[in-house]
Amino acid sequence: MKLAYLLQTVKGVPLGYNFRLYTYGPYESDVLNDLGQAESMRAVGSKIVAYPSGSGYVFSPGPEREKVKSMAREDLAKYENAITWAVTEFGHRTAADLELLSTIIYADRDSCERRQRISPDDLCRQVREIKPRFSEEYVQQNISFLKEKGMLLALSGYVASNHSP
């Protein structure tokens, strides 16, 4: 879910999702519908995993993944660099990290849409209002990481209404 959000929001991959802020960060039910479709085609497998704070899904490659990949080869080739970027930058991150990182980007893009530049401290304060379980220091570290990578637009002064890359 969060990688799809990052691909669409940061890299401009036209996935067609309309993400909204939800309990664990940006969410779009159509992503789960699409994953369900991929699972029915046996391109992916899933299992529900219990965590101390709830439950979630773990997805893994399915037995028909190569067949399904070949059906989407052209589209995948167009976005290969973006997909590689997402996996390289974020594939090793925990669900909690992805929740925080995607929420920071969501808040940043919200400021862009309102044509407001935002300071790192204000962005941190805003994110902590949404996600109080993350410490101020941890939120600031992740804001710095995203800023260094050029992923925060309002923080960088880009406040035009069209914020696609």
C-alpha atoms as a PDB file:
ATOM      1  CA  MET A   1       0.000   0.000   0.000  1.00  0.00           C
ATOM      2  CA  LYS A   2       2.650   2.516   1.080  1.00  0.00           C
ATOM      3  CA  LEU A   3       4.975   1.638  -1.800  1.00  0.00           C
ATOM      4  CA  ALA A   4       2.086   2.234  -4.217  1.00  0.00           C
ATOM      5  CA  TYR A   5       1.498   5.603  -2.545  1.00  0.00           C
ATOM      6  CA  LEU A   6       5.179   6.517  -2.873  1.00  0.00           C
ATOM      7  CA  LEU A   7       5.346   5.394  -6.505  1.00  0.00           C
ATOM      8  CA  GLN A   8       2.299   7.438  -7.433  1.00  0.00           C
ATOM      9  CA  THR A   9       3.005  10.509  -5.298  1.00  0.00           C
ATOM     10  CA  VAL A  10       6.772  10.864  -5.472  1.00  0.00           C
ATOM     11  CA  LYS A  11       7.582   9.279  -8.838  1.00  0.00           C
ATOM     12  CA  GLY A  12       4.354  10.100 -10.681  1.00  0.00           C
ATOM     13  CA  VAL A  13       3.559   6.531 -11.708  1.00  0.00           C
ATOM     14  CA  PRO A  14      -0.076   6.755 -12.915  1.00  0.00           C
ATOM     15  CA  LEU A  15      -1.636   4.077 -10.735  1.00  0.00           C
ATOM     16  CA  GLY A  16      -4.993   5.860 -10.582  1.00  0.00           C
ATOM     17  CA  TYR A  17      -5.428   5.630  -6.831  1.00  0.00           C
ATOM     18  CA  ASN A  18      -7.034   8.284  -4.635  1.00  0.00           C
ATOM     19  CA  PHE A  19      -5.214   7.952  -1.320  1.00  0.00           C
ATOM     20  CA  ARG A  20      -6.673   9.420   1.861  1.00  0.00           C
ATOM     21  CA  LEU A  21      -5.101   9.661   5.285  1.00  0.00           C
ATOM     22  CA  TYR A  22      -6.231   6.783   7.454  1.00  0.00           C
ATOM     23  CA  THR A  23      -5.171   5.043  10.679  1.00  0.00           C
ATOM     24  CA  TYR A  24      -1.813   3.792   9.368  1.00  0.00           C
ATOM     25  CA  GLY A  25      -1.072   6.547   6.872  1.00  0.00           C
ATOM     26  CA  PRO A  26      -2.239   7.016   3.275  1.00  0.00           C
ATOM     27  CA  TYR A  27      -4.801   4.363   2.343  1.00  0.00           C
ATOM     28  CA  GLU A  28      -6.833   3.405  -0.724  1.00  0.00           C
ATOM     29  CA  SER A  29      -9.148   0.385  -0.678  1.00  0.00           C
ATOM     30  CA  ASP A  30      -8.648  -0.146  -4.416  1.00  0.00           C
ATOM     31  CA  VAL A  31      -5.052  -1.194  -3.699  1.00  0.00           C
ATOM     32  CA  LEU A  32      -6.400  -4.109  -1.653  1.00  0.00           C
ATOM     33  CA  ASN A  33      -8.894  -4.908  -4.416  1.00  0.00           C
ATOM     34  CA  ASP A  34      -6.048  -4.992  -6.941  1.00  0.00           C
ATOM     35  CA  LEU A  35      -3.973  -7.189  -4.641  1.00  0.00           C
ATOM     36  CA  GLY A  36      -6.983  -9.493  -4.307  1.00  0.00           C
ATOM     37  CA  GLN A  37      -7.173  -9.693  -8.093  1.00  0.00           C
ATOM     38  CA  ALA A  38      -3.449 -10.484  -8.272  1.00  0.00           C
ATOM     39  CA  GLU A  39      -3.952 -13.144  -5.615  1.00  0.00           C
ATOM     40  CA  SER A  40      -6.828 -14.715  -7.562  1.00  0.00           C
ATOM     41  CA  MET A  41      -4.494 -14.873 -10.576  1.00  0.00           C
ATOM     42  CA  ARG A  42      -1.912 -16.497  -8.277  1.00  0.00           C
ATOM     43  CA  ALA A  43       0.603 -13.738  -8.986  1.00  0.00           C
ATOM     44  CA  VAL A  44       0.887 -13.121  -5.245  1.00  0.00           C
ATOM     45  CA  GLY A  45       0.096 -15.028  -2.101  1.00  0.00           C
ATOM     46  CA  SER A  46      -0.922 -13.517   1.212  1.00  0.00           C
ATOM     47  CA  LYS A  47      -1.365 -14.431   4.803  1.00  0.00           C
ATOM     48  CA  ILE A  48      -2.681 -12.522   7.785  1.00  0.00           C
ATOM     49  CA  VAL A  49      -0.120 -11.891  10.506  1.00  0.00           C
ATOM     50  CA  ALA A  50      -0.890 -10.819  14.075  1.00  0.00           C
ATOM     51  CA  TYR A  51       1.116  -7.954  15.539  1.00  0.00           C
ATOM     52  CA  PRO A  52       1.002  -6.532  19.079  1.00  0.00           C
ATOM     53  CA  SER A  53      -0.997  -3.539  17.829  1.00  0.00           C
ATOM     54  CA  GLY A  54      -3.287  -5.403  15.412  1.00  0.00           C
ATOM     55  CA  SER A  55      -2.960  -7.505  12.313  1.00  0.00           C
ATOM     56  CA  GLY A  56      -1.735  -7.075   8.778  1.00  0.00           C
ATOM     57  CA  TYR A  57      -0.987  -8.891   5.574  1.00  0.00           C
ATOM     58  CA  VAL A  58       2.264 -10.354   4.378  1.00  0.00           C
ATOM     59  CA  PHE A  59       2.450 -10.746   0.613  1.00  0.00           C
ATOM     60  CA  SER A  60       4.792 -13.040  -1.254  1.00  0.00           C
ATOM     61  CA  PRO A  61       5.359 -13.950  -4.910  1.00  0.00           C
ATOM     62  CA  GLY A  62       2.826 -16.468  -6.191  1.00  0.00           C
ATOM     63  CA  PRO A  63       3.362 -19.461  -8.482  1.00  0.00           C
ATOM     64  CA  GLU A  64       1.980 -17.643 -11.558  1.00  0.00           C
ATOM     65  CA  ARG A  65       3.931 -14.408 -11.052  1.00  0.00           C
ATOM     66  CA  GLU A  66       6.062 -14.782 -14.187  1.00  0.00           C
ATOM     67  CA  LYS A  67       3.008 -15.438 -16.350  1.00  0.00           C
ATOM     68  CA  VAL A  68       1.216 -12.383 -14.952  1.00  0.00           C
ATOM     69  CA  LYS A  69       4.396 -10.286 -15.222  1.00  0.00           C
ATOM     70  CA  SER A  70       4.676 -11.170 -18.904  1.00  0.00           C
ATOM     71  CA  MET A  71       1.109  -9.924 -19.456  1.00  0.00           C
ATOM     72  CA  ALA A  72       2.113  -6.537 -18.003  1.00  0.00           C
ATOM     73  CA  ARG A  73       5.643  -6.458 -19.408  1.00  0.00           C
ATOM     74  CA  GLU A  74       5.221  -3.203 -21.396  1.00  0.00           C
ATOM     75  CA  ASP A  75       3.809  -1.223 -18.485  1.00  0.00           C
ATOM     76  CA  LEU A  76       6.357  -2.657 -16.083  1.00  0.00           C
ATOM     77  CA  ALA A  77       9.186  -1.723 -18.448  1.00  0.00           C
ATOM     78  CA  LYS A  78       7.973   1.900 -18.602  1.00  0.00           C
ATOM     79  CA  TYR A  79       8.193   2.219 -14.838  1.00  0.00           C
ATOM     80  CA  GLU A  80      11.098  -0.107 -14.114  1.00  0.00           C
ATOM     81  CA  ASN A  81      13.308   2.703 -12.789  1.00  0.00           C
ATOM     82  CA  ALA A  82      10.571   3.961 -10.460  1.00  0.00           C
ATOM     83  CA  ILE A  83       9.827   0.453  -9.199  1.00  0.00           C
ATOM     84  CA  THR A  84      13.528  -0.205  -8.595  1.00  0.00           C
ATOM     85  CA  TRP A  85      13.749   3.135  -6.769  1.00  0.00           C
ATOM     86  CA  ALA A  86      10.827   2.228  -4.470  1.00  0.00           C
ATOM     87  CA  VAL A  87      12.244  -1.181  -3.627  1.00  0.00           C
ATOM     88  CA  THR A  88      15.785   0.156  -3.113  1.00  0.00           C
ATOM     89  CA  GLU A  89      14.784   3.168  -1.003  1.00  0.00           C
ATOM     90  CA  PHE A  90      11.956   1.624   0.986  1.00  0.00           C
ATOM     91  CA  GLY A  91      11.847  -2.160   0.551  1.00  0.00           C
ATOM     92  CA  HIS A  92      13.896  -2.761   3.695  1.00  0.00           C
ATOM     93  CA  ARG A  93      11.759  -0.465   5.872  1.00  0.00           C
ATOM     94  CA  THR A  94       9.338  -1.718   8.503  1.00  0.00           C
ATOM     95  CA  ALA A  95       5.589  -1.167   8.244  1.00  0.00           C
ATOM     96  CA  ALA A  96       5.880   1.490  10.973  1.00  0.00           C
ATOM     97  CA  ASP A  97       8.648   3.287   9.045  1.00  0.00           C
ATOM     98  CA  LEU A  98       6.575   3.254   5.867  1.00  0.00           C
ATOM     99  CA  GLU A  99       3.568   4.532   7.818  1.00  0.00           C
ATOM    100  CA  LEU A 100       5.588   7.483   9.099  1.00  0.00           C
ATOM    101  CA  LEU A 101       7.417   8.249   5.847  1.00  0.00           C
ATOM    102  CA  SER A 102       4.240   8.175   3.771  1.00  0.00           C
ATOM    103  CA  THR A 103       2.422  10.333   6.343  1.00  0.00           C
ATOM    104  CA  ILE A 104       5.224  12.921   6.219  1.00  0.00           C
ATOM    105  CA  ILE A 105       4.964  13.026   2.427  1.00  0.00           C
ATOM    106  CA  TYR A 106       1.161  13.188   2.632  1.00  0.00           C
ATOM    107  CA  ALA A 107       1.340  16.208   4.994  1.00  0.00           C
ATOM    108  CA  ASP A 108       3.956  17.839   2.760  1.00  0.00           C
ATOM    109  CA  ARG A 109       1.802  17.382  -0.359  1.00  0.00           C
ATOM    110  CA  ASP A 110      -1.239  18.684   1.529  1.00  0.00           C
ATOM    111  CA  SER A 111       0.698  21.902   2.184  1.00  0.00           C
ATOM    112  CA  CYS A 112       1.582  22.041  -1.518  1.00  0.00           C
ATOM    113  CA  GLU A 113      -2.060  21.741  -2.493  1.00  0.00           C
ATOM    114  CA  ARG A 114      -2.878  24.599  -0.115  1.00  0.00           C
ATOM    115  CA  ARG A 115       0.047  26.532  -1.665  1.00  0.00           C
ATOM    116  CA  GLN A 116       1.781  26.841   1.682  1.00  0.00           C
ATOM    117  CA  ARG A 117       5.460  26.439   2.285  1.00  0.00           C
ATOM    118  CA  ILE A 118       6.117  24.563   5.525  1.00  0.00           C
ATOM    119  CA  SER A 119       9.112  24.566   7.865  1.00  0.00           C
ATOM    120  CA  PRO A 120      10.636  21.331   9.161  1.00  0.00           C
ATOM    121  CA  ASP A 121       9.392  22.149  12.677  1.00  0.00           C
ATOM    122  CA  ASP A 122       5.845  22.837  11.469  1.00  0.00           C
ATOM    123  CA  LEU A 123       5.850  19.677   9.377  1.00  0.00           C
ATOM    124  CA  CYS A 124       7.063  17.694  12.387  1.00  0.00           C
ATOM    125  CA  ARG A 125       4.370  19.230  14.591  1.00  0.00           C
ATOM    126  CA  GLN A 126       1.700  18.451  11.999  1.00  0.00           C
ATOM    127  CA  VAL A 127       2.857  14.844  11.588  1.00  0.00           C
ATOM    128  CA  ARG A 128       3.031  14.327  15.354  1.00  0.00           C
ATOM    129  CA  GLU A 129      -0.575  15.539  15.660  1.00  0.00           C
ATOM    130  CA  ILE A 130      -1.525  12.782  13.215  1.00  0.00           C
ATOM    131  CA  LYS A 131       0.955  10.187  14.541  1.00  0.00           C
ATOM    132  CA  PRO A 132       1.662  10.991  18.223  1.00  0.00           C
ATOM    133  CA  ARG A 133       3.228   7.580  18.884  1.00  0.00           C
ATOM    134  CA  PHE A 134       6.359   8.626  16.967  1.00  0.00           C
ATOM    135  CA  SER A 135       8.846  10.738  18.928  1.00  0.00           C
ATOM    136  CA  GLU A 136       9.686  14.243  17.792  1.00  0.00           C
ATOM    137  CA  GLU A 137      13.303  13.192  17.246  1.00  0.00           C
ATOM    138  CA  TYR A 138      12.295  10.215  15.088  1.00  0.00           C
ATOM    139  CA  VAL A 139       9.911  12.308  12.993  1.00  0.00           C
ATOM    140  CA  GLN A 140      12.632  14.953  12.504  1.00  0.00           C
ATOM    141  CA  GLN A 141      15.139  12.262  11.444  1.00  0.00           C
ATOM    142  CA  ASN A 142      12.717  10.990   8.819  1.00  0.00           C
ATOM    143  CA  ILE A 143      11.883  14.499   7.616  1.00  0.00           C
ATOM    144  CA  SER A 144      15.635  15.090   7.170  1.00  0.00           C
ATOM    145  CA  PHE A 145      15.986  11.813   5.264  1.00  0.00           C
ATOM    146  CA  LEU A 146      13.123  12.689   2.896  1.00  0.00           C
ATOM    147  CA  LYS A 147      14.387  16.258   2.458  1.00  0.00           C
ATOM    148  CA  GLU A 148      17.898  15.039   1.595  1.00  0.00           C
ATOM    149  CA  LYS A 149      16.352  12.735  -1.010  1.00  0.00           C
ATOM    150  CA  GLY A 150      14.377  15.635  -2.521  1.00  0.00           C
ATOM    151  CA  MET A 151      10.995  14.107  -1.739  1.00  0.00           C
ATOM    152  CA  LEU A 152       9.490  17.001   0.218  1.00  0.00           C
ATOM    153  CA  LEU A 153       8.098  19.738  -1.996  1.00  0.00           C
ATOM    154  CA  ALA A 154       6.410  22.231   0.366  1.00  0.00           C
ATOM    155  CA  LEU A 155       9.408  22.015   2.670  1.00  0.00           C
ATOM    156  CA  SER A 156      11.604  22.913  -0.306  1.00  0.00           C
ATOM    157  CA  GLY A 157       9.424  25.858  -1.290  1.00  0.00           C
ATOM    158  CA  TYR A 158       7.539  24.235  -4.176  1.00  0.00           C
ATOM    159  CA  VAL A 159       3.936  25.227  -3.564  1.00  0.00           C
ATOM    160  CA  ALA A 160       2.357  25.203  -7.030  1.00  0.00           C
ATOM    161  CA  SER A 161      -0.976  23.419  -7.363  1.00  0.00           C
ATOM    162  CA  ASN A 162       0.409  20.734  -9.687  1.00  0.00           C
ATOM    163  CA  HIS A 163       2.929  18.816  -7.590  1.00  0.00           C
ATOM    164  CA  SER A 164       3.707  15.898  -9.858  1.00  0.00           C
ATOM    165  CA  PRO A 165       7.401  15.266 -10.514  1.00  0.00           C
END
